Protein backbone atom coordinates (compact mmCIF):
# COMPACT_ATOMS: atom_id res chain seq x y z
CA MET A 1 128.74 40.52 189.75
CA LEU A 2 131.80 39.68 191.83
CA GLU A 3 131.34 37.04 194.50
CA GLN A 4 130.71 38.61 197.89
CA THR A 5 131.12 37.25 201.40
CA LEU A 6 127.84 35.77 202.59
CA ARG A 7 126.66 35.81 206.20
CA PRO A 8 123.61 34.23 207.87
CA LEU A 9 120.48 36.35 207.72
CA VAL A 10 117.59 34.26 209.01
CA LYS A 11 116.61 30.65 209.68
CA VAL A 12 113.20 29.27 208.71
CA THR A 13 111.61 25.83 208.98
CA GLN A 14 110.11 25.65 205.47
CA HIS A 15 112.44 25.15 202.55
CA ASN A 16 110.21 26.73 199.92
CA ILE A 17 109.76 29.89 202.02
CA ALA A 18 113.54 30.22 202.24
CA LEU A 19 113.85 29.69 198.48
CA LEU A 20 111.14 32.23 197.74
CA PHE A 21 112.86 34.94 199.76
CA CYS A 22 116.27 33.99 198.37
CA ASN A 23 114.98 34.41 194.80
CA TYR A 24 113.48 37.78 195.72
CA LEU A 25 116.80 39.02 197.12
CA LYS A 26 118.48 38.10 193.84
CA THR A 27 116.05 40.34 191.95
CA LEU A 28 117.32 43.19 194.18
CA ASN A 29 120.90 42.35 193.12
CA ILE A 30 121.68 40.95 196.57
CA GLN A 31 123.61 37.68 196.45
CA ALA A 32 121.87 35.02 198.51
CA GLN A 33 121.93 31.28 199.16
CA VAL A 34 119.87 28.76 201.12
CA ILE A 35 121.77 26.22 203.23
CA THR A 36 120.29 23.38 205.26
CA GLU A 37 121.38 23.54 208.88
CA ASP A 38 120.10 21.38 211.75
CA ALA A 39 116.30 21.30 211.59
CA GLY A 40 115.89 24.35 209.39
CA PHE A 41 117.03 26.32 206.36
CA VAL A 42 119.27 29.34 206.68
CA VAL A 43 119.23 32.19 204.18
CA TYR A 44 122.71 33.62 203.71
CA CYS A 45 123.02 37.04 202.09
CA GLN A 46 125.67 39.45 200.87
CA ASP A 47 127.54 40.83 203.88
CA ASP A 48 127.56 44.49 202.81
CA LYS A 49 123.80 44.44 202.17
CA HIS A 50 122.81 42.55 205.31
CA GLU A 51 120.85 45.44 206.81
CA ILE A 52 118.83 45.99 203.62
CA ALA A 53 118.11 42.26 203.39
CA GLN A 54 116.94 42.23 207.02
CA GLN A 55 114.46 45.02 206.31
CA GLU A 56 113.22 43.20 203.23
CA PHE A 57 112.72 40.01 205.23
CA GLU A 58 110.58 41.80 207.81
CA GLN A 59 108.26 42.93 204.99
CA PHE A 60 108.40 39.51 203.32
CA ILE A 61 107.49 37.45 206.38
CA ALA A 62 104.46 39.67 207.03
CA ASP A 63 102.96 38.61 203.67
CA PRO A 64 105.14 36.13 201.73
CA TYR A 65 102.46 35.59 199.07
CA GLN A 66 102.54 39.10 197.64
CA VAL A 67 102.66 39.27 193.86
CA LYS A 68 106.23 40.60 193.76
CA TYR A 69 107.58 37.60 195.66
CA GLN A 70 105.71 35.10 193.48
CA GLN A 71 106.96 36.80 190.32
CA ALA A 72 110.52 36.76 191.65
CA ALA A 73 110.34 32.98 191.87
CA TRP A 74 109.24 32.77 188.23
CA GLN A 75 111.75 35.29 186.94
CA SER A 76 114.76 33.90 188.78
CA GLY A 77 117.28 32.33 186.44
CA ASP A 78 118.65 30.04 189.15
CA VAL A 79 117.55 26.44 189.57
CA THR A 80 117.71 25.30 193.18
CA ASP A 81 117.45 21.70 194.31
CA VAL A 82 114.36 21.46 196.45
CA ASN A 83 114.59 18.92 199.23
CA PRO A 84 111.58 16.59 198.78
CA HIS A 85 111.63 15.86 202.51
CA ALA A 86 111.32 19.48 203.56
CA PRO A 87 108.86 19.97 206.42
CA ALA A 88 105.28 20.57 205.29
CA LEU A 89 106.40 20.97 201.67
CA LEU A 90 103.18 19.62 200.16
CA THR A 91 101.04 21.57 202.60
CA SER A 92 102.96 24.75 201.89
CA PHE A 93 102.71 24.19 198.13
CA LYS A 94 98.94 23.81 198.36
CA SER A 95 98.76 26.94 200.47
CA GLN A 96 100.80 28.93 197.94
CA PHE A 97 98.84 27.54 195.01
CA LEU A 98 95.51 28.53 196.54
CA SER A 99 96.64 31.84 198.01
CA HIS A 100 98.14 33.09 194.75
CA ALA A 101 94.97 32.39 192.74
CA GLY A 102 91.57 33.87 193.53
CA ILE A 103 88.19 32.28 192.89
CA VAL A 104 88.05 33.33 189.21
CA THR A 105 91.53 31.99 188.48
CA LEU A 106 90.86 28.70 190.24
CA THR A 107 87.44 28.23 188.63
CA ILE A 108 88.76 28.60 185.08
CA PHE A 109 91.80 26.47 185.93
CA ALA A 110 89.55 23.68 187.24
CA LEU A 111 87.12 23.98 184.32
CA CYS A 112 89.89 23.50 181.76
CA TRP A 113 91.16 20.41 183.54
CA LEU A 114 87.67 18.93 183.98
CA VAL A 115 87.04 19.32 180.25
CA PHE A 116 90.42 17.78 179.45
CA ILE A 117 89.89 14.81 181.79
CA ALA A 118 86.41 14.18 180.40
CA SER A 119 87.84 14.25 176.87
CA ASN A 120 90.49 11.69 177.79
CA LEU A 121 87.95 9.39 179.41
CA GLY A 122 86.28 8.78 176.06
CA TRP A 123 83.96 11.77 175.67
CA ALA A 124 86.23 13.85 173.45
CA ASN A 125 83.83 14.07 170.50
CA THR A 126 80.84 14.88 172.69
CA VAL A 127 82.69 17.53 174.71
CA PHE A 128 84.22 19.14 171.63
CA HIS A 129 80.83 19.18 169.88
CA HIS A 130 79.30 21.16 172.76
CA LEU A 131 82.20 23.61 173.03
CA GLN A 132 83.16 23.97 169.37
CA PHE A 133 82.80 27.37 167.74
CA TYR A 134 79.87 27.91 165.37
CA SER A 135 80.10 26.36 161.90
CA THR A 136 78.40 29.56 160.67
CA LEU A 137 78.66 32.75 162.69
CA ASN A 138 75.38 34.67 162.78
CA LEU A 139 73.01 36.19 165.32
CA ASP A 140 70.70 33.18 165.45
CA ALA A 141 73.60 30.82 166.17
CA VAL A 142 74.88 33.08 168.96
CA LEU A 143 71.44 33.41 170.56
CA GLN A 144 70.88 29.64 170.46
CA ALA A 145 74.25 28.77 172.03
CA PRO A 146 76.02 31.87 173.42
CA HIS A 147 78.50 29.71 175.34
CA ARG A 148 80.18 28.72 172.06
CA LEU A 149 81.65 32.21 171.83
CA LEU A 150 83.87 31.19 174.75
CA GLY A 151 83.71 27.39 174.51
CA PRO A 152 86.84 26.66 172.43
CA ALA A 153 89.02 28.38 175.03
CA PHE A 154 88.34 25.57 177.52
CA TYR A 155 89.12 22.65 175.20
CA HIS A 156 92.72 21.42 174.94
CA PHE A 157 94.12 18.77 172.63
CA SER A 158 97.18 17.46 174.51
CA TRP A 159 98.91 17.34 177.88
CA LEU A 160 101.53 19.87 176.78
CA HIS A 161 98.80 22.14 175.49
CA ILE A 162 96.82 22.27 178.73
CA VAL A 163 99.82 22.31 181.08
CA PHE A 164 101.38 25.26 179.27
CA ASN A 165 98.13 27.25 179.14
CA THR A 166 96.86 26.58 182.66
CA MET A 167 100.32 27.20 184.15
CA TRP A 168 100.39 30.70 182.64
CA TRP A 169 96.72 31.26 183.47
CA TRP A 170 97.35 30.44 187.15
CA GLN A 171 100.49 32.58 187.36
CA LEU A 172 99.36 35.66 185.44
CA GLY A 173 95.64 35.40 186.12
CA GLY A 174 96.29 34.96 189.83
CA SER A 175 98.53 38.03 189.90
CA ILE A 176 95.95 40.12 188.04
CA GLU A 177 93.06 38.98 190.23
CA ARG A 178 94.99 39.72 193.43
CA THR A 179 96.24 43.09 192.17
CA THR A 180 93.43 44.65 190.13
CA GLY A 181 90.46 42.51 191.18
CA LYS A 182 88.09 39.84 189.91
CA PHE A 183 86.29 42.18 187.51
CA SER A 184 89.51 42.98 185.65
CA LEU A 185 90.30 39.30 185.17
CA ILE A 186 86.74 38.44 184.11
CA THR A 187 86.80 41.30 181.60
CA LEU A 188 90.13 40.10 180.22
CA LEU A 189 88.82 36.56 179.90
CA LEU A 190 85.58 37.51 178.14
CA VAL A 191 87.02 40.12 175.78
CA SER A 192 90.09 38.16 174.76
CA ALA A 193 88.30 34.81 174.42
CA VAL A 194 85.54 36.25 172.23
CA LEU A 195 87.86 38.32 170.02
CA SER A 196 90.48 35.59 169.61
CA ASN A 197 87.86 32.92 168.92
CA ILE A 198 86.06 35.02 166.31
CA GLY A 199 89.34 35.98 164.66
CA GLN A 200 90.60 32.40 164.57
CA PHE A 201 87.27 31.21 163.12
CA MET A 202 87.39 33.79 160.35
CA VAL A 203 90.89 32.66 159.35
CA ASP A 204 90.80 28.87 159.82
CA GLY A 205 87.22 27.79 160.53
CA PRO A 206 85.72 26.26 163.70
CA ASN A 207 88.19 23.45 164.44
CA PHE A 208 90.42 25.02 167.10
CA GLY A 209 90.68 25.18 170.85
CA GLY A 210 92.78 26.25 173.82
CA LEU A 211 93.22 29.05 176.32
CA SER A 212 96.31 30.45 174.60
CA GLY A 213 94.52 33.48 173.16
CA VAL A 214 93.50 34.42 176.69
CA VAL A 215 97.01 33.67 177.99
CA TYR A 216 98.47 36.09 175.45
CA ALA A 217 95.93 38.67 176.60
CA LEU A 218 97.22 38.24 180.16
CA VAL A 219 100.80 38.61 178.90
CA GLY A 220 99.91 41.82 177.07
CA TYR A 221 97.98 43.19 180.04
CA VAL A 222 100.72 42.51 182.62
CA TRP A 223 103.43 43.71 180.21
CA TRP A 224 101.73 47.05 179.55
CA MET A 225 100.58 47.51 183.14
CA GLY A 226 104.20 47.15 184.23
CA TRP A 227 105.15 49.78 181.67
CA LEU A 228 102.27 52.23 182.12
CA ILE A 229 101.37 51.80 185.82
CA PRO A 230 104.39 50.14 187.50
CA GLU A 231 103.14 51.11 190.95
CA LYS A 232 100.40 48.47 190.62
CA GLY A 233 103.07 45.80 191.06
CA LEU A 234 102.34 43.86 187.85
CA SER A 235 105.30 43.19 185.61
CA LEU A 236 107.04 40.61 183.42
CA SER A 237 110.76 40.28 182.92
CA LYS A 238 112.16 41.09 179.49
CA PRO A 239 113.28 37.47 178.86
CA ILE A 240 109.74 36.19 179.43
CA ILE A 241 108.23 38.87 177.20
CA GLY A 242 110.83 38.08 174.57
CA PHE A 243 110.09 34.36 174.77
CA MET A 244 106.34 34.85 174.38
CA LEU A 245 106.78 37.23 171.43
CA PHE A 246 109.27 34.85 169.82
CA TRP A 247 106.80 31.98 170.22
CA LEU A 248 104.10 34.14 168.66
CA LEU A 249 106.26 34.96 165.66
CA LEU A 250 107.44 31.35 165.34
CA GLY A 251 103.84 30.28 164.85
CA TYR A 252 103.71 32.26 161.60
CA THR A 253 106.60 30.27 160.13
CA SER A 254 106.61 26.77 158.68
CA LEU A 255 108.93 25.52 161.42
CA MET A 256 106.20 24.42 163.83
CA PRO A 257 105.28 20.70 163.64
CA ILE A 258 101.71 21.42 164.78
CA ASN A 259 98.93 23.80 163.81
CA VAL A 260 99.11 26.95 165.90
CA ALA A 261 96.21 29.36 166.46
CA ASN A 262 98.27 32.36 165.41
CA THR A 263 95.33 34.71 164.93
CA ALA A 264 93.98 33.89 168.39
CA HIS A 265 97.40 34.55 169.92
CA LEU A 266 97.83 37.90 168.17
CA LEU A 267 94.32 39.16 168.89
CA GLY A 268 94.63 38.01 172.50
CA LEU A 269 97.89 39.92 172.93
CA LEU A 270 96.46 43.08 171.35
CA SER A 271 93.29 42.92 173.45
CA GLY A 272 95.34 42.58 176.65
CA CYS A 273 97.51 45.56 175.73
CA LEU A 274 94.42 47.61 174.89
CA LEU A 275 92.69 46.78 178.20
CA ALA A 276 95.85 47.75 180.09
CA TYR A 277 95.93 51.07 178.24
CA LEU A 278 92.26 51.70 179.08
CA GLN A 279 93.07 50.94 182.73
CA PHE A 280 95.92 53.46 182.51
CA LEU A 281 93.57 56.14 181.13
CA LYS A 282 91.10 55.41 183.95
CA VAL A 283 93.79 55.78 186.61
CA LYS A 284 95.15 58.91 184.95
CA LYS A 285 91.68 60.48 184.84
CA HIS A 286 91.11 59.86 188.55
CA THR A 287 94.60 61.09 189.44
CA TYR A 288 94.25 64.42 187.70
């Protein structure tokens, strides 16, 4: 895109709010920039699209935590230097973190981190023993400890492992919970965790863990919802989808320095796509 003349659009007091709206304008192919001026932050936008940007800002400021604005921040390819001394930055971050994620998203997020912290405080063997998948999968084992069907999903082996998984869980799970409701997210969690855990056990045995099978289910669900029911407002950019599929395929090669739960990833992705398709059929049935 050719560089366009930028003119001031609006001035706000919170830097991250200005950045959020700026990133959203870029997804609409409107050039934008945030500049610090006096005691605030001014959003400059493309001169010939000033009126459109003004209308978008009026909608944005009424509810800046809508899914489409949060996703724009994730999908933006630009890296902007955030002023650490911006007014109420920490407070605003906490507000965004909590507002984007509902009670289900936050509960699972907290549970994963509590398990990880307990493991790193010296209780790793004890925690893993209580969450580990069955050594032998049968009806008696399931009835005696049904939580082990889900248990491995909450146990993570490293900082990178848990940060990656809980980051995607918060982002995608929060979007799903806000858009299609708590029941949809709970269903995704239960179905994908059980299927991916059983599949991984059948291939490699009981020594595995992590929320990545569920994360891939969320990826599949949001991906197919954006394709089948775009009006719901759930979508993922092609680069992100490509990255996640590339990572999935990479796990099946010998290039990875660690063991990867490939079966859990694949079954999670397929279960998410299937649940999105079932949601599509439900909407289609009620529409016609």
